[in-house]
PDB file of N, CA and C in Angstrom:
ATOM      1  N   MET A   1      15.778  -6.107  39.811  1.00  0.00           N
ATOM      2  CA  MET A   1      15.903  -5.653  38.113  1.00  0.00           C
ATOM      3  C   MET A   1      17.494  -6.373  37.400  1.00  0.00           C
ATOM      4  N   ASP A   2      17.891  -7.465  36.291  1.00  0.00           N
ATOM      5  CA  ASP A   2      18.740  -8.276  36.739  1.00  0.00           C
ATOM      6  C   ASP A   2      18.713  -7.517  35.327  1.00  0.00           C
ATOM      7  N   ILE A   3      19.978  -6.945  34.901  1.00  0.00           N
ATOM      8  CA  ILE A   3      20.726  -6.507  34.236  1.00  0.00           C
ATOM      9  C   ILE A   3      20.684  -6.791  32.718  1.00  0.00           C
ATOM     10  N   GLU A   4      20.864  -8.334  32.346  1.00  0.00           N
ATOM     11  CA  GLU A   4      20.368  -8.716  31.129  1.00  0.00           C
ATOM     12  C   GLU A   4      18.591  -8.913  30.544  1.00  0.00           C
ATOM     13  N   VAL A   5      18.352  -8.395  32.148  1.00  0.00           N
ATOM     14  CA  VAL A   5      16.544  -8.634  31.384  1.00  0.00           C
ATOM     15  C   VAL A   5      16.014  -7.748  31.287  1.00  0.00           C
ATOM     16  N   ARG A   6      16.833  -5.957  31.291  1.00  0.00           N
ATOM     17  CA  ARG A   6      16.960  -4.957  31.302  1.00  0.00           C
ATOM     18  C   ARG A   6      17.360  -4.777  29.690  1.00  0.00           C
ATOM     19  N   LEU A   7      18.670  -5.514  29.421  1.00  0.00           N
ATOM     20  CA  LEU A   7      18.919  -4.599  27.870  1.00  0.00           C
ATOM     21  C   LEU A   7      18.289  -6.205  27.116  1.00  0.00           C
ATOM     22  N   ALA A   8      17.127  -6.991  27.219  1.00  0.00           N
ATOM     23  CA  ALA A   8      17.119  -7.475  26.484  1.00  0.00           C
ATOM     24  C   ALA A   8      15.548  -6.251  26.255  1.00  0.00           C
ATOM     25  N   ALA A   9      15.111  -6.304  27.284  1.00  0.00           N
ATOM     26  CA  ALA A   9      13.915  -5.265  26.715  1.00  0.00           C
ATOM     27  C   ALA A   9      14.067  -3.736  25.855  1.00  0.00           C
ATOM     28  N   ILE A  10      14.941  -3.785  26.299  1.00  0.00           N
ATOM     29  CA  ILE A  10      15.257  -2.462  25.267  1.00  0.00           C
ATOM     30  C   ILE A  10      16.248  -2.630  24.374  1.00  0.00           C
ATOM     31  N   GLU A  11      16.311  -3.946  24.396  1.00  0.00           N
ATOM     32  CA  GLU A  11      16.828  -4.703  22.511  1.00  0.00           C
ATOM     33  C   GLU A  11      15.652  -4.959  21.671  1.00  0.00           C
ATOM     34  N   GLU A  12      14.994  -4.774  22.951  1.00  0.00           N
ATOM     35  CA  GLU A  12      13.381  -6.357  21.894  1.00  0.00           C
ATOM     36  C   GLU A  12      12.635  -4.485  21.446  1.00  0.00           C
ATOM     37  N   LYS A  13      12.799  -2.911  22.168  1.00  0.00           N
ATOM     38  CA  LYS A  13      11.847  -2.085  22.009  1.00  0.00           C
ATOM     39  C   LYS A  13      12.407  -1.644  20.892  1.00  0.00           C
ATOM     40  N   GLN A  14      13.396  -1.735  21.152  1.00  0.00           N
ATOM     41  CA  GLN A  14      14.437  -1.242  19.742  1.00  0.00           C
ATOM     42  C   GLN A  14      13.929  -1.765  18.241  1.00  0.00           C
ATOM     43  N   ASN A  15      14.132  -3.069  18.274  1.00  0.00           N
ATOM     44  CA  ASN A  15      13.806  -3.574  17.793  1.00  0.00           C
ATOM     45  C   ASN A  15      12.521  -3.131  16.443  1.00  0.00           C
ATOM     46  N   GLN A  16      11.860  -3.159  17.475  1.00  0.00           N
ATOM     47  CA  GLN A  16      10.110  -3.074  17.038  1.00  0.00           C
ATOM     48  C   GLN A  16      10.582  -1.518  16.494  1.00  0.00           C
ATOM     49  N   ILE A  17      11.089  -0.351  17.275  1.00  0.00           N
ATOM     50  CA  ILE A  17      11.486   1.027  16.585  1.00  0.00           C
ATOM     51  C   ILE A  17      11.793   0.997  15.292  1.00  0.00           C
ATOM     52  N   LEU A  18      12.662  -0.090  15.383  1.00  0.00           N
ATOM     53  CA  LEU A  18      13.693   0.400  13.459  1.00  0.00           C
ATOM     54  C   LEU A  18      12.549  -0.501  13.166  1.00  0.00           C
ATOM     55  N   ASP A  19      12.486  -1.793  13.358  1.00  0.00           N
ATOM     56  CA  ASP A  19      11.608  -1.974  12.318  1.00  0.00           C
ATOM     57  C   ASP A  19       9.837  -0.886  11.667  1.00  0.00           C
ATOM     58  N   LEU A  20       9.359  -0.611  12.635  1.00  0.00           N
ATOM     59  CA  LEU A  20       8.279   0.992  12.386  1.00  0.00           C
ATOM     60  C   LEU A  20       8.909   1.616  11.447  1.00  0.00           C
ATOM     61  N   LEU A  21      10.022   1.497  10.938  1.00  0.00           N
ATOM     62  CA  LEU A  21      11.089   3.375  10.703  1.00  0.00           C
ATOM     63  C   LEU A  21      10.797   2.797   9.552  1.00  0.00           C
ATOM     64  N   ILE A  22      12.023   1.368   8.755  1.00  0.00           N
ATOM     65  CA  ILE A  22      11.722   0.305   7.900  1.00  0.00           C
ATOM     66  C   ILE A  22      10.887   0.383   7.195  1.00  0.00           C
ATOM     67  N   ASN A  23       9.603  -0.061   8.121  1.00  0.00           N
ATOM     68  CA  ASN A  23       8.727  -0.921   6.934  1.00  0.00           C
ATOM     69  C   ASN A  23       7.742   0.305   7.237  1.00  0.00           C
ATOM     70  N   LYS A  24       7.561   1.514   8.203  1.00  0.00           N
ATOM     71  CA  LYS A  24       6.916   2.950   7.635  1.00  0.00           C
ATOM     72  C   LYS A  24       4.982   2.375   7.663  1.00  0.00           C
ATOM     73  N   GLU A  25       4.903   2.185   8.378  1.00  0.00           N
ATOM     74  CA  GLU A  25       3.708   0.909   9.082  1.00  0.00           C
ATOM     75  C   GLU A  25       2.318   2.219   8.649  1.00  0.00           C
ATOM     76  N   VAL A  26       2.007   1.719   8.829  1.00  0.00           N
ATOM     77  CA  VAL A  26       0.518   3.179   8.309  1.00  0.00           C
ATOM     78  C   VAL A  26      -0.313   2.773   9.499  1.00  0.00           C
ATOM     79  N   ALA A  27      -0.844   4.088   9.938  1.00  0.00           N
ATOM     80  CA  ALA A  27      -1.574   5.256  11.035  1.00  0.00           C
ATOM     81  C   ALA A  27      -3.124   4.936   9.720  1.00  0.00           C
ATOM     82  N   THR A  28      -4.320   4.254  11.192  1.00  0.00           N
ATOM     83  CA  THR A  28      -5.451   3.887  10.427  1.00  0.00           C
ATOM     84  C   THR A  28      -6.422   5.432  10.502  1.00  0.00           C
ATOM     85  N   GLY A  29      -5.770   5.978  10.946  1.00  0.00           N
ATOM     86  CA  GLY A  29      -5.967   7.764  11.001  1.00  0.00           C
ATOM     87  C   GLY A  29      -5.666   7.885   9.908  1.00  0.00           C
ATOM     88  N   LYS A  30      -4.391   8.453   9.506  1.00  0.00           N
ATOM     89  CA  LYS A  30      -4.182   8.924   8.051  1.00  0.00           C
ATOM     90  C   LYS A  30      -4.069   8.687   7.158  1.00  0.00           C
ATOM     91  N   ALA A  31      -3.847   9.512   6.262  1.00  0.00           N
ATOM     92  CA  ALA A  31      -4.309  10.034   5.134  1.00  0.00           C
ATOM     93  C   ALA A  31      -3.247   9.700   4.210  1.00  0.00           C
ATOM     94  N   MET A  32      -2.742   8.635   3.236  1.00  0.00           N
ATOM     95  CA  MET A  32      -1.199   8.282   2.983  1.00  0.00           C
ATOM     96  C   MET A  32      -1.522   9.093   1.620  1.00  0.00           C
ATOM     97  N   THR A  33       0.317   9.007   0.453  1.00  0.00           N
ATOM     98  CA  THR A  33      -0.056   9.290  -0.226  1.00  0.00           C
ATOM     99  C   THR A  33      -0.030   8.488  -1.177  1.00  0.00           C
ATOM    100  N   LEU A  34       0.848   8.806  -2.334  1.00  0.00           N
ATOM    101  CA  LEU A  34       0.948   7.418  -3.486  1.00  0.00           C
ATOM    102  C   LEU A  34       1.628   6.927  -3.750  1.00  0.00           C
ATOM    103  N   LYS A  35       2.661   7.254  -2.772  1.00  0.00           N
ATOM    104  CA  LYS A  35       3.686   6.145  -3.144  1.00  0.00           C
ATOM    105  C   LYS A  35       3.725   5.678  -1.627  1.00  0.00           C
ATOM    106  N   GLU A  36       2.735   5.853  -0.440  1.00  0.00           N
ATOM    107  CA  GLU A  36       2.564   4.822   0.954  1.00  0.00           C
ATOM    108  C   GLU A  36       1.001   4.427   0.408  1.00  0.00           C
ATOM    109  N   ALA A  37       1.048   4.298  -0.332  1.00  0.00           N
ATOM    110  CA  ALA A  37      -0.471   3.143  -0.522  1.00  0.00           C
ATOM    111  C   ALA A  37      -0.297   2.624  -1.706  1.00  0.00           C
ATOM    112  N   ALA A  38       0.842   2.444  -2.744  1.00  0.00           N
ATOM    113  CA  ALA A  38       1.125   2.611  -3.870  1.00  0.00           C
ATOM    114  C   ALA A  38       1.846   0.972  -2.857  1.00  0.00           C
ATOM    115  N   ARG A  39       2.988   1.523  -1.661  1.00  0.00           N
ATOM    116  CA  ARG A  39       3.860   0.038  -1.343  1.00  0.00           C
ATOM    117  C   ARG A  39       2.398  -0.517  -0.551  1.00  0.00           C
ATOM    118  N   TYR A  40       1.754  -0.481  -0.020  1.00  0.00           N
ATOM    119  CA  TYR A  40       0.909  -0.832   0.884  1.00  0.00           C
ATOM    120  C   TYR A  40      -0.423  -2.120   0.355  1.00  0.00           C
ATOM    121  N   ALA A  41      -0.727  -1.182  -1.016  1.00  0.00           N
ATOM    122  CA  ALA A  41      -1.443  -2.490  -1.688  1.00  0.00           C
ATOM    123  C   ALA A  41      -0.972  -3.588  -2.893  1.00  0.00           C
ATOM    124  N   GLY A  42       0.843  -3.208  -2.880  1.00  0.00           N
ATOM    125  CA  GLY A  42       1.578  -3.987  -3.890  1.00  0.00           C
ATOM    126  C   GLY A  42       1.758  -3.273  -4.886  1.00  0.00           C
ATOM    127  N   TYR A  43       1.147  -1.894  -5.741  1.00  0.00           N
ATOM    128  CA  TYR A  43       1.369  -1.942  -6.951  1.00  0.00           C
ATOM    129  C   TYR A  43       2.837  -0.663  -7.441  1.00  0.00           C
ATOM    130  N   SER A  44       3.386  -0.683  -8.786  1.00  0.00           N
ATOM    131  CA  SER A  44       3.768   0.312  -9.021  1.00  0.00           C
ATOM    132  C   SER A  44       3.056   1.417  -8.146  1.00  0.00           C
ATOM    133  N   PRO A  45       3.894   3.039  -8.188  1.00  0.00           N
ATOM    134  CA  PRO A  45       3.482   3.553  -8.078  1.00  0.00           C
ATOM    135  C   PRO A  45       2.818   4.578  -9.401  1.00  0.00           C
ATOM    136  N   ASP A  46       2.720   4.301 -10.699  1.00  0.00           N
ATOM    137  CA  ASP A  46       3.493   4.705 -11.377  1.00  0.00           C
ATOM    138  C   ASP A  46       1.720   4.117 -11.741  1.00  0.00           C
ATOM    139  N   HIS A  47       1.835   2.461 -11.893  1.00  0.00           N
ATOM    140  CA  HIS A  47       1.040   1.344 -12.324  1.00  0.00           C
ATOM    141  C   HIS A  47      -1.026   2.330 -11.119  1.00  0.00           C
ATOM    142  N   PHE A  48      -0.498   2.736  -9.655  1.00  0.00           N
ATOM    143  CA  PHE A  48      -1.084   2.826  -9.167  1.00  0.00           C
ATOM    144  C   PHE A  48      -2.374   4.103  -8.459  1.00  0.00           C
ATOM    145  N   ARG A  49      -1.547   4.952  -9.656  1.00  0.00           N
ATOM    146  CA  ARG A  49      -1.686   6.395  -9.776  1.00  0.00           C
ATOM    147  C   ARG A  49      -2.604   6.243 -11.301  1.00  0.00           C
ATOM    148  N   ARG A  50      -2.638   5.603 -12.479  1.00  0.00           N
ATOM    149  CA  ARG A  50      -3.344   5.155 -13.060  1.00  0.00           C
ATOM    150  C   ARG A  50      -4.575   4.724 -13.474  1.00  0.00           C
ATOM    151  N   LEU A  51      -4.469   3.797 -11.434  1.00  0.00           N
ATOM    152  CA  LEU A  51      -6.086   2.720 -10.923  1.00  0.00           C
ATOM    153  C   LEU A  51      -6.115   3.969 -10.825  1.00  0.00           C
ATOM    154  N   ALA A  52      -5.972   5.376 -10.003  1.00  0.00           N
ATOM    155  CA  ALA A  52      -7.576   5.868  -9.269  1.00  0.00           C
ATOM    156  C   ALA A  52      -7.243   7.061 -10.380  1.00  0.00           C
ATOM    157  N   VAL A  53      -7.191   7.739 -10.605  1.00  0.00           N
ATOM    158  CA  VAL A  53      -6.816   8.977 -12.016  1.00  0.00           C
ATOM    159  C   VAL A  53      -7.556   8.782 -13.106  1.00  0.00           C
ATOM    160  N   GLU A  54      -7.117   7.825 -13.657  1.00  0.00           N
ATOM    161  CA  GLU A  54      -7.144   7.549 -15.127  1.00  0.00           C
ATOM    162  C   GLU A  54      -8.033   6.517 -15.091  1.00  0.00           C
ATOM    163  N   GLN A  55      -8.327   5.776 -14.456  1.00  0.00           N
ATOM    164  CA  GLN A  55      -9.668   4.421 -14.185  1.00  0.00           C
ATOM    165  C   GLN A  55     -10.642   4.862 -13.506  1.00  0.00           C
ATOM    166  N   HIS A  56     -10.904   5.312 -12.360  1.00  0.00           N
ATOM    167  CA  HIS A  56     -11.602   5.698 -11.254  1.00  0.00           C
ATOM    168  C   HIS A  56     -12.037   4.142 -10.476  1.00  0.00           C
ATOM    169  N   LEU A  57     -10.521   3.750 -10.010  1.00  0.00           N
ATOM    170  CA  LEU A  57     -11.327   2.915  -9.996  1.00  0.00           C
ATOM    171  C   LEU A  57     -10.759   2.906  -7.449  1.00  0.00           C
ATOM    172  N   ILE A  58     -10.010   3.600  -7.981  1.00  0.00           N
ATOM    173  CA  ILE A  58      -9.864   3.487  -6.596  1.00  0.00           C
ATOM    174  C   ILE A  58     -10.246   5.138  -5.887  1.00  0.00           C
ATOM    175  N   PRO A  59     -10.752   5.307  -5.058  1.00  0.00           N
ATOM    176  CA  PRO A  59     -11.219   6.946  -4.319  1.00  0.00           C
ATOM    177  C   PRO A  59      -9.966   7.777  -3.654  1.00  0.00           C
ATOM    178  N   PHE A  60      -9.544   8.461  -4.218  1.00  0.00           N
ATOM    179  CA  PHE A  60      -8.585   9.444  -3.180  1.00  0.00           C
ATOM    180  C   PHE A  60      -9.857  10.698  -2.990  1.00  0.00           C
ATOM    181  N   VAL A  61      -8.582  11.922  -3.654  1.00  0.00           N
ATOM    182  CA  VAL A  61      -8.651  13.269  -2.282  1.00  0.00           C
ATOM    183  C   VAL A  61      -7.459  13.720  -3.000  1.00  0.00           C
ATOM    184  N   ARG A  62      -7.711  15.092  -3.268  1.00  0.00           N
ATOM    185  CA  ARG A  62      -6.854  16.472  -3.419  1.00  0.00           C
ATOM    186  C   ARG A  62      -6.436  17.257  -2.901  1.00  0.00           C
ATOM    187  N   PRO A  63      -5.638  16.805  -1.324  1.00  0.00           N
ATOM    188  CA  PRO A  63      -5.932  18.439  -1.137  1.00  0.00           C
ATOM    189  C   PRO A  63      -5.655  20.025  -1.505  1.00  0.00           C
ATOM    190  N   SER A  64      -5.745  20.424  -2.399  1.00  0.00           N
ATOM    191  CA  SER A  64      -5.820  22.218  -3.271  1.00  0.00           C
ATOM    192  C   SER A  64      -7.486  21.933  -4.213  1.00  0.00           C
ATOM    193  N   GLY A  65      -7.526  20.240  -4.529  1.00  0.00           N
ATOM    194  CA  GLY A  65      -8.772  20.648  -4.714  1.00  0.00           C
ATOM    195  C   GLY A  65      -8.448  21.071  -6.434  1.00  0.00           C
ATOM    196  N   GLN A  66      -7.649  20.768  -7.520  1.00  0.00           N
ATOM    197  CA  GLN A  66      -7.084  21.151  -8.464  1.00  0.00           C
ATOM    198  C   GLN A  66      -7.954  20.174  -9.128  1.00  0.00           C
ATOM    199  N   GLN A  67      -7.508  19.821 -10.419  1.00  0.00           N
ATOM    200  CA  GLN A  67      -7.226  18.894 -10.986  1.00  0.00           C
ATOM    201  C   GLN A  67      -5.861  18.167 -10.946  1.00  0.00           C
ATOM    202  N   LYS A  68      -4.683  19.161 -10.729  1.00  0.00           N
ATOM    203  CA  LYS A  68      -3.165  18.795 -10.684  1.00  0.00           C
ATOM    204  C   LYS A  68      -3.057  17.947  -9.919  1.00  0.00           C
ATOM    205  N   GLY A  69      -1.863  17.467  -9.636  1.00  0.00           N
ATOM    206  CA  GLY A  69      -1.239  17.937  -7.549  1.00  0.00           C
ATOM    207  C   GLY A  69      -1.162  16.401  -7.066  1.00  0.00           C
ATOM    208  N   LYS A  70      -0.503  17.206  -6.158  1.00  0.00           N
ATOM    209  CA  LYS A  70      -1.109  15.674  -4.235  1.00  0.00           C
ATOM    210  C   LYS A  70      -1.975  15.105  -4.648  1.00  0.00           C
ATOM    211  N   ILE A  71      -2.220  13.524  -4.566  1.00  0.00           N
ATOM    212  CA  ILE A  71      -3.675  12.793  -3.709  1.00  0.00           C
ATOM    213  C   ILE A  71      -3.231  12.443  -2.782  1.00  0.00           C
ATOM    214  N   LEU A  72      -4.485  11.785  -1.672  1.00  0.00           N
ATOM    215  CA  LEU A  72      -4.208  11.100  -0.847  1.00  0.00           C
ATOM    216  C   LEU A  72      -5.125  10.246  -0.864  1.00  0.00           C
ATOM    217  N   PHE A  73      -4.944   9.276   0.034  1.00  0.00           N
ATOM    218  CA  PHE A  73      -5.604   7.526   0.258  1.00  0.00           C
ATOM    219  C   PHE A  73      -6.627   7.072   1.710  1.00  0.00           C
ATOM    220  N   HIS A  74      -7.658   6.771   1.495  1.00  0.00           N
ATOM    221  CA  HIS A  74      -7.192   7.042   2.945  1.00  0.00           C
ATOM    222  C   HIS A  74      -7.185   5.191   3.464  1.00  0.00           C
ATOM    223  N   LYS A  75      -7.057   4.528   3.945  1.00  0.00           N
ATOM    224  CA  LYS A  75      -6.506   3.110   3.875  1.00  0.00           C
ATOM    225  C   LYS A  75      -8.275   2.155   3.934  1.00  0.00           C
ATOM    226  N   ALA A  76      -9.700   2.999   4.688  1.00  0.00           N
ATOM    227  CA  ALA A  76     -10.358   2.489   4.892  1.00  0.00           C
ATOM    228  C   ALA A  76     -10.814   1.905   2.934  1.00  0.00           C
ATOM    229  N   ASP A  77     -10.833   3.264   2.092  1.00  0.00           N
ATOM    230  CA  ASP A  77     -10.806   2.776   0.679  1.00  0.00           C
ATOM    231  C   ASP A  77      -9.602   2.378   0.158  1.00  0.00           C
ATOM    232  N   LEU A  78      -8.790   1.500   0.283  1.00  0.00           N
ATOM    233  CA  LEU A  78      -7.455   1.078   0.384  1.00  0.00           C
ATOM    234  C   LEU A  78      -7.656  -0.688  -0.039  1.00  0.00           C
ATOM    235  N   ASP A  79      -8.506  -0.933   1.718  1.00  0.00           N
ATOM    236  CA  ASP A  79      -9.798  -2.901   2.123  1.00  0.00           C
ATOM    237  C   ASP A  79     -10.682  -2.189   1.372  1.00  0.00           C
ATOM    238  N   ARG A  80     -11.105  -1.790   1.437  1.00  0.00           N
ATOM    239  CA  ARG A  80     -12.335  -1.902   0.161  1.00  0.00           C
ATOM    240  C   ARG A  80     -11.694  -2.832  -1.788  1.00  0.00           C
ATOM    241  N   PHE A  81     -10.663  -1.520  -1.766  1.00  0.00           N
ATOM    242  CA  PHE A  81     -10.711  -1.817  -3.078  1.00  0.00           C
ATOM    243  C   PHE A  81      -9.355  -3.240  -3.548  1.00  0.00           C
ATOM    244  N   LEU A  82      -8.977  -3.559  -2.190  1.00  0.00           N
ATOM    245  CA  LEU A  82      -8.488  -4.951  -2.608  1.00  0.00           C
ATOM    246  C   LEU A  82      -9.299  -5.719  -1.917  1.00  0.00           C
ATOM    247  N   GLY A  83     -10.479  -5.879  -1.387  1.00  0.00           N
ATOM    248  CA  GLY A  83     -10.953  -6.809  -0.710  1.00  0.00           C
ATOM    249  C   GLY A  83     -10.622  -7.629   0.217  1.00  0.00           C
ATOM    250  N   GLU A  84     -12.518  -7.513   1.325  1.00  0.00           N
ATOM    251  CA  GLU A  84     -11.630  -7.511   2.868  1.00  0.00           C
ATOM    252  C   GLU A  84     -11.191  -9.046   2.677  1.00  0.00           C
ATOM    253  N   ASP A  85     -12.125  -9.619   2.176  1.00  0.00           N
ATOM    254  CA  ASP A  85     -11.387 -10.836   2.173  1.00  0.00           C
ATOM    255  C   ASP A  85      -9.768 -11.702   1.866  1.00  0.00           C
ATOM    256  N   ASN A  86      -8.938 -11.793   3.536  1.00  0.00           N
ATOM    257  CA  ASN A  86      -7.630 -11.618   2.937  1.00  0.00           C
ATOM    258  C   ASN A  86      -7.090 -13.397   2.943  1.00  0.00           C
ATOM    259  N   ASP A  87      -7.987 -14.337   2.480  1.00  0.00           N
ATOM    260  CA  ASP A  87      -7.204 -15.989   2.343  1.00  0.00           C
ATOM    261  C   ASP A  87      -7.403 -15.348   0.755  1.00  0.00           C
ATOM    262  N   LYS A  88      -8.059 -15.132   0.275  1.00  0.00           N
ATOM    263  CA  LYS A  88      -8.274 -14.734  -0.724  1.00  0.00           C
ATOM    264  C   LYS A  88      -7.099 -13.812  -1.717  1.00  0.00           C
ATOM    265  N   GLN A  89      -6.453 -14.255  -2.735  1.00  0.00           N
ATOM    266  CA  GLN A  89      -5.381 -13.027  -3.105  1.00  0.00           C
ATOM    267  C   GLN A  89      -6.309 -12.647  -4.012  1.00  0.00           C
ATOM    268  N   PRO A  90      -6.839 -11.041  -3.912  1.00  0.00           N
ATOM    269  CA  PRO A  90      -7.855  -9.466  -4.709  1.00  0.00           C
ATOM    270  C   PRO A  90      -7.182 -10.055  -6.456  1.00  0.00           C
ATOM    271  N   LYS A  91      -7.953 -10.120  -6.613  1.00  0.00           N
ATOM    272  CA  LYS A  91      -8.171  -9.548  -8.219  1.00  0.00           C
ATOM    273  C   LYS A  91      -8.000  -8.028  -8.282  1.00  0.00           C
ATOM    274  N   GLN A  92      -6.457  -7.880  -8.830  1.00  0.00           N
ATOM    275  CA  GLN A  92      -5.689  -6.845  -9.761  1.00  0.00           C
ATOM    276  C   GLN A  92      -6.325  -6.211 -11.184  1.00  0.00           C
ATOM    277  N   PRO A  93      -6.792  -5.629 -10.893  1.00  0.00           N
ATOM    278  CA  PRO A  93      -7.204  -4.891 -12.633  1.00  0.00           C
ATOM    279  C   PRO A  93      -5.786  -4.590 -13.436  1.00  0.00           C
ATOM    280  N   GLY A  94      -5.753  -4.930 -14.784  1.00  0.00           N
ATOM    281  CA  GLY A  94      -4.823  -4.499 -15.760  1.00  0.00           C
ATOM    282  C   GLY A  94      -4.264  -5.345 -16.476  1.00  0.00           C
ATOM    283  N   ARG A  95      -4.447  -5.133 -17.324  1.00  0.00           N
ATOM    284  CA  ARG A  95      -3.976  -5.715 -18.652  1.00  0.00           C
ATOM    285  C   ARG A  95      -3.748  -7.793 -18.692  1.00  0.00           C
ATOM    286  N   ARG A  96      -4.254  -8.997 -19.661  1.00  0.00           N
ATOM    287  CA  ARG A  96      -3.559  -9.722 -19.476  1.00  0.00           C
ATOM    288  C   ARG A  96      -2.723  -9.810 -20.803  1.00  0.00           C
ATOM    289  N   ARG A  97      -1.923 -10.752 -20.136  1.00  0.00           N
ATOM    290  CA  ARG A  97      -0.985 -11.030 -21.120  1.00  0.00           C
ATOM    291  C   ARG A  97      -1.329 -12.141 -21.872  1.00  0.00           C
ATOM    292  N   LYS A  98      -0.022 -11.583 -22.951  1.00  0.00           N
ATOM    293  CA  LYS A  98      -0.411 -13.104 -24.127  1.00  0.00           C
ATOM    294  C   LYS A  98      -0.540 -14.143 -23.635  1.00  0.00           C
ATOM    295  N   SER A  99      -0.420 -14.818 -24.758  1.00  0.00           N
ATOM    296  CA  SER A  99      -0.507 -16.330 -23.814  1.00  0.00           C
ATOM    297  C   SER A  99       1.371 -16.732 -24.862  1.00  0.00           C
ATOM    298  N   LYS A 100       1.714 -17.316 -23.708  1.00  0.00           N
ATOM    299  CA  LYS A 100       3.017 -17.914 -24.932  1.00  0.00           C
ATOM    300  C   LYS A 100       2.532 -19.055 -25.053  1.00  0.00           C
ATOM    301  N   ASN A 101       1.396 -19.953 -25.046  1.00  0.00           N
ATOM    302  CA  ASN A 101       1.812 -21.094 -25.476  1.00  0.00           C
ATOM    303  C   ASN A 101       0.861 -20.347 -27.643  1.00  0.00           C
ATOM    304  N   ILE A 102       1.993 -19.807 -28.174  1.00  0.00           N
ATOM    305  CA  ILE A 102       1.369 -19.353 -29.763  1.00  0.00           C
ATOM    306  C   ILE A 102       1.493 -19.851 -30.537  1.00  0.00           C
ATOM    307  N   LYS A 103       0.315 -20.752 -31.214  1.00  0.00           N
ATOM    308  CA  LYS A 103       0.638 -21.661 -32.221  1.00  0.00           C
ATOM    309  C   LYS A 103       0.927 -21.440 -33.714  1.00  0.00           C
ATOM    310  N   ILE A 104       1.520 -21.975 -34.443  1.00  0.00           N
ATOM    311  CA  ILE A 104       1.769 -21.352 -36.203  1.00  0.00           C
ATOM    312  C   ILE A 104       1.551 -22.597 -36.017  1.00  0.00           C
ATOM    313  N   TRP A 105       0.625 -22.566 -37.149  1.00  0.00           N
ATOM    314  CA  TRP A 105       0.251 -24.130 -38.465  1.00  0.00           C
ATOM    315  C   TRP A 105       0.442 -24.745 -37.994  1.00  0.00           C
TER     316      TRP A 105
END
């Protein structure tokens, strides 16, 4: 095998490993923490916690079983929350912004 081909294969593998480390890809069977789930869904962690804990829109699990503490999310539940239809932009719950077209007399 030619040395350039082997070096190219090694470099490609390094790039894949670095990409996984930087993006922290989510394993399918693993439960995600609040920050990982918020990043996956595209929300800030604070807003995502409000959607799950206060508004009960996203199913979550508390490993301690207590009212406060760490919360975990399953990827299947997040996909269901975001909507299975990937072509459409999922409707994200939240407050509506005030119109910028305010007419005064």
